N, C-alpha and C. Protein backbone atom coordinates (compact mmCIF):
# COMPACT_ATOMS: atom_id res chain seq x y z
N MET A 1 25.62 57.17 78.09
CA MET A 1 24.13 57.12 78.21
C MET A 1 23.55 57.69 79.19
N PRO A 2 22.66 58.95 79.01
CA PRO A 2 22.54 59.76 80.38
C PRO A 2 21.65 59.03 81.92
N THR A 3 22.53 60.11 82.89
CA THR A 3 22.05 59.25 83.86
C THR A 3 20.64 58.56 84.82
N ARG A 4 19.51 59.20 83.73
CA ARG A 4 18.37 58.52 83.99
C ARG A 4 17.94 57.74 83.11
N GLU A 5 18.58 57.90 81.88
CA GLU A 5 18.71 56.27 81.16
C GLU A 5 19.18 55.34 82.13
N ARG A 6 20.17 55.36 82.29
CA ARG A 6 21.44 54.59 83.34
C ARG A 6 20.92 53.93 84.29
N LEU A 7 20.09 54.36 85.10
CA LEU A 7 19.56 54.21 86.27
C LEU A 7 18.12 53.22 85.89
N VAL A 8 16.89 53.55 84.60
CA VAL A 8 16.14 52.72 83.84
C VAL A 8 15.80 51.44 83.40
N VAL A 9 17.05 51.55 82.41
CA VAL A 9 18.42 50.07 81.63
C VAL A 9 18.28 49.28 83.67
N ALA A 10 19.21 49.95 84.11
CA ALA A 10 19.71 49.63 85.62
C ALA A 10 18.24 47.61 86.05
N ALA A 11 17.18 49.32 86.96
CA ALA A 11 16.24 48.70 86.83
C ALA A 11 15.53 48.04 86.67
N ALA A 12 14.80 47.94 84.81
CA ALA A 12 15.03 47.66 83.84
C ALA A 12 15.20 45.91 84.61
N ASP A 13 16.04 45.61 84.16
CA ASP A 13 17.67 43.81 83.26
C ASP A 13 17.19 43.23 85.24
N LEU A 14 17.75 44.07 86.27
CA LEU A 14 17.06 43.89 87.70
C LEU A 14 15.72 43.31 88.38
N LEU A 15 14.58 44.81 87.64
CA LEU A 15 13.68 43.83 88.30
C LEU A 15 13.08 42.23 87.11
N GLN A 16 13.61 41.76 86.00
CA GLN A 16 13.13 41.51 85.34
C GLN A 16 13.40 39.36 85.98
N VAL A 17 14.85 40.38 86.65
CA VAL A 17 15.32 38.29 86.68
C VAL A 17 15.03 38.15 89.02
N GLN A 18 15.51 39.69 88.96
CA GLN A 18 14.77 39.21 90.82
C GLN A 18 13.24 40.42 91.29
N GLY A 19 12.84 40.68 90.01
CA GLY A 19 11.69 41.01 90.62
C GLY A 19 11.41 42.22 91.91
N TYR A 20 10.03 42.85 92.00
CA TYR A 20 10.60 44.35 92.86
C TYR A 20 11.03 44.00 94.07
N ALA A 21 10.33 42.87 94.86
CA ALA A 21 11.12 43.04 96.12
C ALA A 21 12.24 43.05 96.29
N GLY A 22 12.57 41.92 95.44
CA GLY A 22 14.42 41.55 95.28
C GLY A 22 15.04 42.44 94.63
N THR A 23 14.84 43.99 93.95
CA THR A 23 15.26 43.90 93.88
C THR A 23 15.79 45.87 94.80
N GLY A 24 16.65 45.98 95.21
CA GLY A 24 17.67 47.28 95.95
C GLY A 24 18.25 47.94 96.05
N ILE A 25 17.52 49.50 95.86
CA ILE A 25 18.44 50.61 95.49
C ILE A 25 19.94 50.42 95.37
N ALA A 26 20.48 49.89 96.30
CA ALA A 26 22.05 49.75 96.84
C ALA A 26 22.58 48.97 95.66
N GLU A 27 21.71 47.89 95.10
CA GLU A 27 22.47 47.54 93.93
C GLU A 27 21.66 47.82 92.66
N ILE A 28 20.94 48.76 92.21
CA ILE A 28 20.72 49.53 91.23
C ILE A 28 21.50 50.85 90.77
N LEU A 29 21.56 51.21 92.39
CA LEU A 29 23.27 52.69 91.82
C LEU A 29 23.85 51.73 91.73
N GLY A 30 25.36 50.55 91.94
CA GLY A 30 26.01 49.63 91.90
C GLY A 30 26.23 49.47 90.73
N LEU A 31 24.97 49.03 89.48
CA LEU A 31 24.68 48.85 88.13
C LEU A 31 25.21 49.72 87.29
N SER A 32 23.54 50.82 87.47
CA SER A 32 24.22 51.69 86.86
C SER A 32 25.04 52.78 87.32
N GLY A 33 26.03 53.38 88.19
CA GLY A 33 27.23 54.02 89.09
C GLY A 33 26.53 54.88 88.75
N VAL A 34 25.16 54.99 89.47
CA VAL A 34 24.76 56.25 89.31
C VAL A 34 24.98 56.90 91.03
N THR A 35 25.04 57.88 91.11
CA THR A 35 24.43 58.61 93.10
C THR A 35 23.49 58.25 93.85
N LYS A 36 23.64 57.86 94.91
CA LYS A 36 21.74 58.34 95.78
C LYS A 36 20.75 59.28 94.88
N GLY A 37 22.17 60.46 95.29
CA GLY A 37 21.21 62.01 95.36
C GLY A 37 20.64 61.68 94.23
N SER A 38 21.61 61.42 92.88
CA SER A 38 21.46 61.55 90.97
C SER A 38 19.99 60.55 90.91
N LEU A 39 19.57 60.13 91.94
CA LEU A 39 18.44 59.11 91.77
C LEU A 39 17.47 59.07 91.83
N TYR A 40 17.10 60.17 93.31
CA TYR A 40 16.24 60.79 93.89
C TYR A 40 16.29 63.01 93.00
N PHE A 41 17.11 62.80 92.71
CA PHE A 41 16.99 63.61 91.63
C PHE A 41 16.05 63.44 90.68
N HIS A 42 16.44 62.53 89.72
CA HIS A 42 15.50 61.95 88.83
C HIS A 42 13.97 61.66 89.03
N PHE A 43 14.07 60.59 90.43
CA PHE A 43 12.79 60.12 90.49
C PHE A 43 12.91 60.37 92.30
N PRO A 44 12.02 61.14 92.48
CA PRO A 44 11.70 61.44 93.75
C PRO A 44 11.42 60.96 94.29
N GLY A 45 10.08 59.93 93.82
CA GLY A 45 9.00 58.80 94.45
C GLY A 45 9.68 57.83 94.70
N GLY A 46 11.54 57.77 94.67
CA GLY A 46 11.89 56.82 94.84
C GLY A 46 11.85 55.06 94.19
N LYS A 47 12.61 54.28 94.57
CA LYS A 47 12.16 52.72 94.06
C LYS A 47 11.00 52.55 93.62
N GLU A 48 10.20 52.80 93.62
CA GLU A 48 8.68 52.55 93.12
C GLU A 48 8.66 53.28 92.22
N GLU A 49 9.23 54.72 92.03
CA GLU A 49 9.03 55.50 90.56
C GLU A 49 9.99 55.66 89.99
N LEU A 50 11.03 54.53 89.88
CA LEU A 50 12.06 54.38 89.34
C LEU A 50 11.65 52.76 88.50
N ALA A 51 11.19 51.96 89.30
CA ALA A 51 10.84 51.00 88.82
C ALA A 51 9.41 51.23 87.77
N ALA A 52 8.59 51.30 88.07
CA ALA A 52 7.65 51.58 86.99
C ALA A 52 7.86 52.43 85.56
N GLU A 53 8.55 53.03 85.77
CA GLU A 53 9.50 53.43 84.85
C GLU A 53 9.86 52.96 83.23
N ALA A 54 11.00 51.64 84.21
CA ALA A 54 11.91 50.08 84.09
C ALA A 54 10.98 49.47 83.20
N LEU A 55 9.34 48.90 84.13
CA LEU A 55 8.78 48.56 83.55
C LEU A 55 8.11 49.21 82.17
N ARG A 56 7.95 50.81 81.87
CA ARG A 56 7.21 50.80 81.20
C ARG A 56 8.00 50.61 79.97
N LEU A 57 9.44 50.51 80.73
CA LEU A 57 10.34 50.60 78.74
C LEU A 57 10.29 49.47 78.56
N ARG A 58 10.23 48.42 79.34
CA ARG A 58 10.17 47.42 78.81
C ARG A 58 9.20 46.24 78.16
N GLY A 59 7.82 47.67 78.79
CA GLY A 59 6.20 47.00 77.69
C GLY A 59 6.08 47.63 76.18
N ASN A 60 7.31 49.04 76.45
CA ASN A 60 7.09 50.10 75.34
C ASN A 60 8.01 48.68 74.68
N GLU A 61 9.66 48.30 74.93
CA GLU A 61 9.87 47.10 74.18
C GLU A 61 9.18 45.77 73.35
N ILE A 62 9.03 44.86 74.51
CA ILE A 62 7.99 44.45 73.67
C ILE A 62 6.00 44.98 72.64
N GLY A 63 5.69 46.03 73.54
CA GLY A 63 5.71 45.78 72.26
C GLY A 63 5.61 46.35 70.91
N ARG A 64 6.64 46.97 70.45
CA ARG A 64 7.45 47.44 69.47
C ARG A 64 7.39 45.98 68.62
N LEU A 65 8.49 44.72 69.59
CA LEU A 65 8.06 43.60 69.21
C LEU A 65 7.07 42.90 68.10
N ILE A 66 6.03 43.20 68.91
CA ILE A 66 4.90 42.34 68.82
C ILE A 66 3.79 43.17 67.27
N GLU A 67 3.22 44.29 67.59
CA GLU A 67 3.56 45.38 66.62
C GLU A 67 4.68 44.86 65.01
N HIS A 68 5.86 44.86 65.41
CA HIS A 68 6.75 44.52 64.59
C HIS A 68 6.00 43.10 64.07
N LEU A 69 6.39 42.38 64.06
CA LEU A 69 5.33 40.96 63.76
C LEU A 69 4.23 41.08 63.77
N THR A 70 3.49 41.90 63.80
CA THR A 70 1.80 41.15 63.67
C THR A 70 1.74 42.26 62.76
N SER A 71 2.35 43.67 61.82
CA SER A 71 2.91 44.46 60.87
C SER A 71 2.74 43.12 59.48
N SER A 72 3.88 42.30 59.81
CA SER A 72 4.70 41.82 58.80
C SER A 72 4.33 39.96 58.17
N ALA A 73 3.66 39.74 59.56
CA ALA A 73 3.40 38.68 59.49
C ALA A 73 2.54 38.43 58.86
N PRO A 74 1.97 37.04 57.91
CA PRO A 74 0.77 36.94 56.53
C PRO A 74 -0.07 36.68 57.38
N ASP A 75 -0.18 36.25 58.70
CA ASP A 75 -1.04 35.70 59.91
C ASP A 75 -0.92 35.83 60.95
N ALA A 76 -2.34 35.88 61.89
CA ALA A 76 -2.02 36.20 63.32
C ALA A 76 -1.70 34.92 64.29
N ALA A 77 -1.26 33.85 63.20
CA ALA A 77 -0.70 32.27 63.66
C ALA A 77 1.01 32.51 63.99
N THR A 78 1.19 32.85 62.77
CA THR A 78 2.95 33.29 62.38
C THR A 78 3.41 34.07 63.43
N ALA A 79 2.22 35.39 63.39
CA ALA A 79 2.81 36.97 63.68
C ALA A 79 3.11 35.92 65.60
N VAL A 80 1.94 35.31 66.13
CA VAL A 80 2.50 34.65 67.60
C VAL A 80 3.28 33.03 67.79
N CYS A 81 3.36 32.84 66.91
CA CYS A 81 4.74 31.80 66.76
C CYS A 81 5.63 32.28 66.51
N ALA A 82 5.99 33.37 66.46
CA ALA A 82 7.67 34.13 65.73
C ALA A 82 7.60 34.77 67.25
N PHE A 83 6.98 35.50 67.74
CA PHE A 83 6.45 35.58 69.57
C PHE A 83 6.65 34.93 70.35
N ALA A 84 6.41 33.56 69.72
CA ALA A 84 6.46 32.64 70.76
C ALA A 84 8.09 32.65 70.72
N VAL A 85 8.75 32.08 69.73
CA VAL A 85 10.27 31.90 69.22
C VAL A 85 10.85 32.64 69.84
N ALA A 86 10.80 34.37 69.97
CA ALA A 86 11.41 35.27 70.84
C ALA A 86 11.49 35.57 71.76
N LEU A 87 10.35 35.01 72.70
CA LEU A 87 10.47 34.77 73.59
C LEU A 87 11.23 33.78 74.55
N ALA A 88 10.70 32.75 73.21
CA ALA A 88 11.76 31.79 73.96
C ALA A 88 13.52 31.45 74.24
N THR A 89 13.54 32.69 72.80
CA THR A 89 14.79 32.88 72.48
C THR A 89 16.15 33.65 73.53
N ARG A 90 14.98 34.49 73.92
CA ARG A 90 15.61 35.09 74.93
C ARG A 90 15.84 34.71 76.30
N LEU A 91 15.05 34.17 76.57
CA LEU A 91 15.35 33.12 77.88
C LEU A 91 16.16 32.36 77.94
N GLU A 92 16.51 32.04 77.02
CA GLU A 92 17.32 30.53 77.18
C GLU A 92 18.41 31.23 76.77
N ASP A 93 19.10 32.50 75.92
CA ASP A 93 20.17 32.88 76.02
C ASP A 93 20.39 33.14 77.21
N SER A 94 19.38 34.21 78.01
CA SER A 94 19.63 34.28 79.77
C SER A 94 19.96 33.23 80.75
N GLU A 95 20.50 32.24 80.02
CA GLU A 95 20.30 30.85 80.83
C GLU A 95 18.77 31.20 82.00
N PHE A 96 18.39 31.11 81.80
CA PHE A 96 16.56 31.03 82.46
C PHE A 96 16.26 32.02 82.98
N GLN A 97 17.13 33.18 83.24
CA GLN A 97 17.19 33.72 84.26
C GLN A 97 15.90 35.25 83.60
N ARG A 98 15.37 35.61 82.81
CA ARG A 98 14.91 36.91 82.08
C ARG A 98 14.09 36.69 81.35
N GLY A 99 12.42 36.01 82.27
CA GLY A 99 11.25 35.73 82.30
C GLY A 99 10.22 37.25 81.44
N CYS A 100 9.54 37.28 81.54
CA CYS A 100 8.55 38.41 81.76
C CYS A 100 8.81 39.18 82.71
N ALA A 101 9.53 40.66 82.48
CA ALA A 101 10.19 41.83 82.79
C ALA A 101 8.95 42.11 84.30
N LEU A 102 7.11 42.46 83.69
CA LEU A 102 5.83 43.00 83.73
C LEU A 102 5.45 41.42 85.10
N ALA A 103 5.44 40.36 84.09
CA ALA A 103 4.45 39.56 85.45
C ALA A 103 6.21 39.09 86.98
N THR A 104 7.14 39.30 86.09
CA THR A 104 8.75 38.78 87.32
C THR A 104 8.24 40.15 88.12
N ALA A 105 8.22 41.13 88.38
CA ALA A 105 8.52 42.57 89.26
C ALA A 105 7.18 42.45 89.29
N VAL A 106 5.28 42.18 89.12
CA VAL A 106 4.28 42.88 89.43
C VAL A 106 3.67 41.70 90.80
N LEU A 107 3.96 40.21 90.26
CA LEU A 107 4.01 39.61 90.88
C LEU A 107 4.06 39.21 92.69
N ASP A 108 5.51 39.91 93.19
CA ASP A 108 6.30 40.37 94.45
C ASP A 108 5.86 42.01 94.52
N ALA A 109 5.22 42.79 94.07
CA ALA A 109 5.36 44.16 94.72
C ALA A 109 4.65 44.42 95.26
N GLY A 110 3.69 43.48 95.85
CA GLY A 110 2.47 43.67 97.08
C GLY A 110 1.97 44.95 96.77
N PRO A 111 0.44 45.29 97.83
CA PRO A 111 -0.77 46.15 97.57
C PRO A 111 -0.31 47.12 97.20
N ASP A 112 0.55 47.93 97.36
CA ASP A 112 0.88 49.12 98.08
C ASP A 112 1.89 49.84 96.99
N ALA A 113 2.15 49.12 96.21
CA ALA A 113 2.60 49.22 94.47
C ALA A 113 1.92 49.26 93.99
N THR A 114 1.15 51.10 94.32
CA THR A 114 -0.10 51.27 92.66
C THR A 114 0.38 51.75 91.62
N THR A 115 1.63 51.98 91.44
CA THR A 115 2.18 52.61 91.16
C THR A 115 3.23 51.42 89.92
N VAL A 116 3.63 50.92 90.14
CA VAL A 116 4.33 49.88 89.41
C VAL A 116 3.27 49.24 89.16
N ARG A 117 2.41 48.76 89.74
CA ARG A 117 0.46 48.26 89.30
C ARG A 117 0.16 48.33 88.03
N ASP A 118 0.08 49.69 87.43
CA ASP A 118 0.15 51.01 86.89
C ASP A 118 0.17 50.36 85.32
N ALA A 119 1.92 50.34 85.60
CA ALA A 119 2.50 50.21 85.08
C ALA A 119 2.43 48.84 84.25
N VAL A 120 2.59 48.04 84.65
CA VAL A 120 2.26 46.56 84.26
C VAL A 120 0.96 46.82 83.32
N ARG A 121 -0.03 47.09 84.25
CA ARG A 121 -2.05 47.06 83.80
C ARG A 121 -1.45 47.94 82.45
N THR A 122 -0.90 48.97 81.85
CA THR A 122 -0.86 49.11 80.79
C THR A 122 0.42 49.03 79.44
N GLY A 123 1.15 48.51 79.88
CA GLY A 123 1.70 47.27 79.43
C GLY A 123 1.28 46.09 78.70
N TYR A 124 0.35 44.79 79.66
CA TYR A 124 -0.16 44.21 79.10
C TYR A 124 -1.33 44.94 78.29
N ASP A 125 -2.06 45.84 78.77
CA ASP A 125 -3.56 46.71 77.77
C ASP A 125 -2.83 46.54 76.25
N ARG A 126 -1.30 47.07 76.12
CA ARG A 126 -1.03 47.54 74.91
C ARG A 126 -0.60 46.03 74.08
N TRP A 127 0.18 45.39 74.85
CA TRP A 127 0.34 44.59 73.67
C TRP A 127 -1.30 42.97 73.61
N ARG A 128 -2.33 42.98 74.83
CA ARG A 128 -3.62 42.89 74.86
C ARG A 128 -4.27 43.63 73.01
N GLU A 129 -4.06 44.14 73.28
CA GLU A 129 -4.78 45.59 71.84
C GLU A 129 -4.19 45.15 70.10
N LEU A 130 -2.63 45.20 70.44
CA LEU A 130 -1.93 44.96 69.27
C LEU A 130 -2.38 43.32 69.20
N LEU A 131 -2.19 42.00 69.54
CA LEU A 131 -2.51 41.23 69.27
C LEU A 131 -4.22 40.61 69.17
N ALA A 132 -4.54 41.65 69.55
CA ALA A 132 -6.91 40.63 69.34
C ALA A 132 -7.34 41.85 67.65
N ALA A 133 -5.75 42.99 67.71
CA ALA A 133 -6.33 43.97 65.89
C ALA A 133 -5.87 42.54 65.60
N ARG A 134 -4.61 41.97 65.82
CA ARG A 134 -4.04 41.18 64.47
C ARG A 134 -4.84 39.92 64.11
N ILE A 135 -5.16 39.58 65.39
CA ILE A 135 -6.74 38.15 65.04
C ILE A 135 -7.56 38.53 64.47
N ALA A 136 -8.44 39.51 64.76
CA ALA A 136 -9.34 40.51 64.22
C ALA A 136 -9.14 40.02 62.54
N ALA A 137 -8.10 40.51 62.89
CA ALA A 137 -8.10 40.80 60.97
C ALA A 137 -8.78 39.56 60.22
N ASP A 138 -7.67 39.03 60.66
CA ASP A 138 -7.74 37.31 60.26
C ASP A 138 -9.51 36.53 60.24
N GLY A 139 -9.82 36.85 61.31
CA GLY A 139 -11.31 36.86 61.42
C GLY A 139 -12.50 35.13 62.12
N VAL A 140 -10.49 35.18 62.64
CA VAL A 140 -11.15 32.75 62.78
C VAL A 140 -11.58 32.56 64.12
N VAL A 141 -12.21 33.77 64.86
CA VAL A 141 -12.21 34.09 66.59
C VAL A 141 -13.92 34.70 66.75
N ASP A 142 -14.50 35.03 67.50
CA ASP A 142 -15.84 35.23 66.90
C ASP A 142 -15.02 36.06 67.81
N ASP A 143 -14.40 36.44 69.00
CA ASP A 143 -13.66 37.30 70.24
C ASP A 143 -12.62 37.28 70.16
N PRO A 144 -11.93 38.31 69.00
CA PRO A 144 -10.18 38.13 68.95
C PRO A 144 -9.72 38.95 70.75
N ALA A 145 -10.99 40.09 71.71
CA ALA A 145 -10.03 40.31 72.37
C ALA A 145 -9.57 39.42 73.22
N THR A 146 -10.72 37.78 74.28
CA THR A 146 -10.70 37.18 74.82
C THR A 146 -9.46 36.33 74.37
N GLU A 147 -9.86 36.13 73.29
CA GLU A 147 -8.31 35.35 72.27
C GLU A 147 -7.01 35.58 72.49
N ALA A 148 -6.58 37.11 72.39
CA ALA A 148 -5.67 37.25 72.85
C ALA A 148 -5.41 37.41 74.53
N MET A 149 -6.09 37.84 75.05
CA MET A 149 -5.73 37.34 76.37
C MET A 149 -5.04 36.25 76.71
N LEU A 150 -5.93 35.58 76.18
CA LEU A 150 -5.28 33.50 76.10
C LEU A 150 -3.99 33.83 75.70
N VAL A 151 -3.69 33.96 74.33
CA VAL A 151 -2.40 34.12 74.36
C VAL A 151 -2.01 34.73 75.14
N LEU A 152 -1.84 35.88 75.49
CA LEU A 152 -0.82 36.30 76.50
C LEU A 152 -0.89 35.60 78.23
N SER A 153 -2.48 34.86 78.73
CA SER A 153 -1.66 34.48 79.69
C SER A 153 -1.51 32.85 79.30
N ALA A 154 -1.54 32.50 78.33
CA ALA A 154 -0.99 31.05 77.91
C ALA A 154 0.87 31.61 78.48
N LEU A 155 1.35 32.46 76.81
CA LEU A 155 2.57 33.11 77.33
C LEU A 155 3.32 33.00 78.06
N GLU A 156 2.98 34.04 79.71
CA GLU A 156 3.30 33.60 80.26
C GLU A 156 3.63 32.69 81.65
N GLY A 157 2.15 31.85 81.43
CA GLY A 157 2.56 31.09 81.79
C GLY A 157 3.29 30.34 81.77
N ALA A 158 3.57 30.08 80.12
CA ALA A 158 4.43 28.82 79.61
C ALA A 158 6.30 29.54 79.95
N LEU A 159 6.21 31.03 80.23
CA LEU A 159 7.72 31.52 80.60
C LEU A 159 8.02 30.84 81.73
N ILE A 160 7.08 31.54 83.36
CA ILE A 160 7.69 30.72 84.10
C ILE A 160 7.79 29.16 84.10
N LEU A 161 7.07 27.98 83.43
CA LEU A 161 7.10 26.83 83.45
C LEU A 161 8.45 26.22 82.63
N ALA A 162 8.81 27.53 81.37
CA ALA A 162 10.45 26.92 81.02
C ALA A 162 11.40 27.78 81.73
N ARG A 163 11.11 28.98 82.51
CA ARG A 163 12.59 29.23 84.10
C ARG A 163 12.60 27.62 84.75
N ALA A 164 11.31 27.40 85.74
CA ALA A 164 11.28 25.99 85.96
C ALA A 164 12.61 25.22 85.85
N GLN A 165 11.88 24.54 84.19
CA GLN A 165 12.75 23.37 84.14
C GLN A 165 13.57 23.49 83.24
N ARG A 166 14.03 24.93 82.87
CA ARG A 166 15.19 25.02 82.15
C ARG A 166 15.40 24.59 80.51
N ASP A 167 14.02 24.70 79.98
CA ASP A 167 13.78 24.41 78.96
C ASP A 167 12.17 24.92 78.19
N PRO A 168 12.83 25.78 76.72
CA PRO A 168 12.32 26.33 76.12
C PRO A 168 11.11 26.01 75.69
N GLY A 169 11.18 24.70 75.34
CA GLY A 169 9.68 24.41 74.99
C GLY A 169 8.57 24.44 75.73
N PRO A 170 7.49 25.28 76.65
CA PRO A 170 6.79 25.30 76.90
C PRO A 170 6.27 26.73 75.89
N VAL A 171 6.69 27.61 75.90
CA VAL A 171 6.19 28.34 75.28
C VAL A 171 5.72 28.16 74.37
N LEU A 172 7.20 27.15 73.28
CA LEU A 172 6.81 27.55 71.67
C LEU A 172 5.87 25.97 71.81
N GLN A 173 4.96 25.23 72.15
CA GLN A 173 4.05 24.44 72.29
C GLN A 173 3.04 24.90 72.68
N VAL A 174 2.58 25.82 73.88
CA VAL A 174 1.52 26.61 73.86
C VAL A 174 1.57 27.31 72.79
N ALA A 175 1.49 28.07 72.02
CA ALA A 175 1.53 29.01 71.09
C ALA A 175 1.21 28.02 69.41
N LYS A 176 1.79 26.96 70.06
CA LYS A 176 1.69 26.15 68.13
C LYS A 176 0.42 25.57 68.86
N ARG A 177 -0.18 25.20 69.49
CA ARG A 177 -1.48 24.65 70.21
C ARG A 177 -2.40 26.20 69.67
N ILE A 178 -1.91 27.36 70.84
CA ILE A 178 -3.49 27.96 70.29
C ILE A 178 -3.43 27.98 68.68
N THR A 179 -3.06 28.36 67.94
CA THR A 179 -2.85 29.35 67.19
C THR A 179 -3.56 28.03 65.59
N SER A 180 -2.37 26.92 66.55
CA SER A 180 -3.37 25.86 65.46
C SER A 180 -5.03 26.12 65.12
N GLN A 181 -5.41 26.01 66.25
CA GLN A 181 -6.69 26.01 65.36
C GLN A 181 -7.05 27.44 64.75
N TRP A 182 -6.23 28.33 64.88
CA TRP A 182 -6.83 28.98 64.23
C TRP A 182 -6.37 28.89 62.90
N LEU A 183 -5.62 28.25 62.10
CA LEU A 183 -5.15 27.92 60.93
C LEU A 183 -6.24 26.73 60.59
N GLU A 184 -7.14 25.90 61.26
CA GLU A 184 -7.78 25.42 60.77
C GLU A 184 -9.03 25.50 60.31
N ARG A 185 -8.88 26.65 61.10
CA ARG A 185 -10.69 27.46 60.73
C ARG A 185 -10.23 28.55 59.22
N LYS A 186 -8.95 28.89 59.39
CA LYS A 186 -8.67 30.41 58.16
C LYS A 186 -9.35 28.85 56.67
N PRO A 187 -10.38 29.77 55.86
CA PRO A 187 -10.45 29.42 54.84
C PRO A 187 -9.70 29.05 54.11
N GLU A 188 -9.47 28.48 52.99
CA GLU A 188 -8.56 27.75 52.18
C GLU A 188 -8.71 29.04 51.30
N GLY A 189 -6.95 28.99 50.56
CA GLY A 189 -7.22 30.49 49.71
C GLY A 189 -6.49 31.99 49.91
N ARG A 190 -7.07 31.80 51.02
CA ARG A 190 -7.42 33.38 51.65
C ARG A 190 -5.87 33.93 52.10
N PRO A 191 -5.38 35.39 51.69
CA PRO A 191 -4.27 35.45 52.61
C PRO A 191 -3.51 34.38 53.17
N GLY A 192 -3.07 34.29 53.48
CA GLY A 192 -1.96 34.56 54.52
C GLY A 192 -2.47 32.93 55.27
N SER A 193 -3.71 32.43 54.72
CA SER A 193 -2.86 30.73 55.29
C SER A 193 -2.66 30.36 54.87
N GLY A 194 -1.76 30.40 53.89
CA GLY A 194 -0.54 28.76 53.45
C GLY A 194 -0.91 28.38 52.19
N THR A 195 -2.28 28.36 51.08
CA THR A 195 -2.61 28.19 50.72
C THR A 195 -2.72 28.64 49.86
N THR A 196 -2.83 28.57 48.17
CA THR A 196 -2.95 29.48 47.67
C THR A 196 -4.10 29.76 47.23
N ASN A 197 -4.52 30.11 45.41
CA ASN A 197 -6.05 30.10 44.52
C ASN A 197 -5.82 28.67 44.27
N ARG A 198 -5.09 28.31 43.44
CA ARG A 198 -4.89 27.64 42.31
C ARG A 198 -4.78 25.49 43.41
N GLU A 199 -4.24 26.19 44.25
CA GLU A 199 -3.91 24.89 45.31
C GLU A 199 -5.03 24.54 46.51
N ALA A 200 -6.18 25.39 46.39
CA ALA A 200 -7.34 24.90 46.55
C ALA A 200 -8.56 25.05 45.76
N GLN A 201 -8.55 24.60 44.73
CA GLN A 201 -9.62 24.23 43.65
C GLN A 201 -8.69 22.95 43.55
N ARG A 202 -7.21 22.07 43.47
CA ARG A 202 -7.52 20.98 43.07
C ARG A 202 -8.44 20.10 44.18
């Protein structure tokens, strides 16, 4: 793996577990096997610049996951529940150490870490846009953008509870609770509603 990529991946892994303030340059160098000189060669802005790039990496990874789920699922409810399952599984597989990298990093980044906050905001904006587009396609809510924000906010909060309780349940429960309302509003017989035209006619 190229030096720059090793640095970014190492920083992303540490930020996801320890946050911005809890992650030091020495730890990143130790995990990546890169010298300090190489770090500053690739990232003249030091830790903040590297952290922002690492968060963009994680943001893009989750963005691709959401894009895949929203494009392949029969409806927004299925996509969001599948997303929740993916988040819960990753969290549980990491022994409840790896929540959302963006949230973990930005919570303790401090007011001066503007580059980090910008990277986090960009990631969240992309996730919200993808979810809003899929929700809008179903036509079950009046304000898809706000609904997408609700989904993200609920899942982020649920991830924190799941880490604290060491139980993936909250993530799955909030997704089911939100999406059950969409399914109730979906017209019978509409593609993706889970009801065929023949069943709707009975």
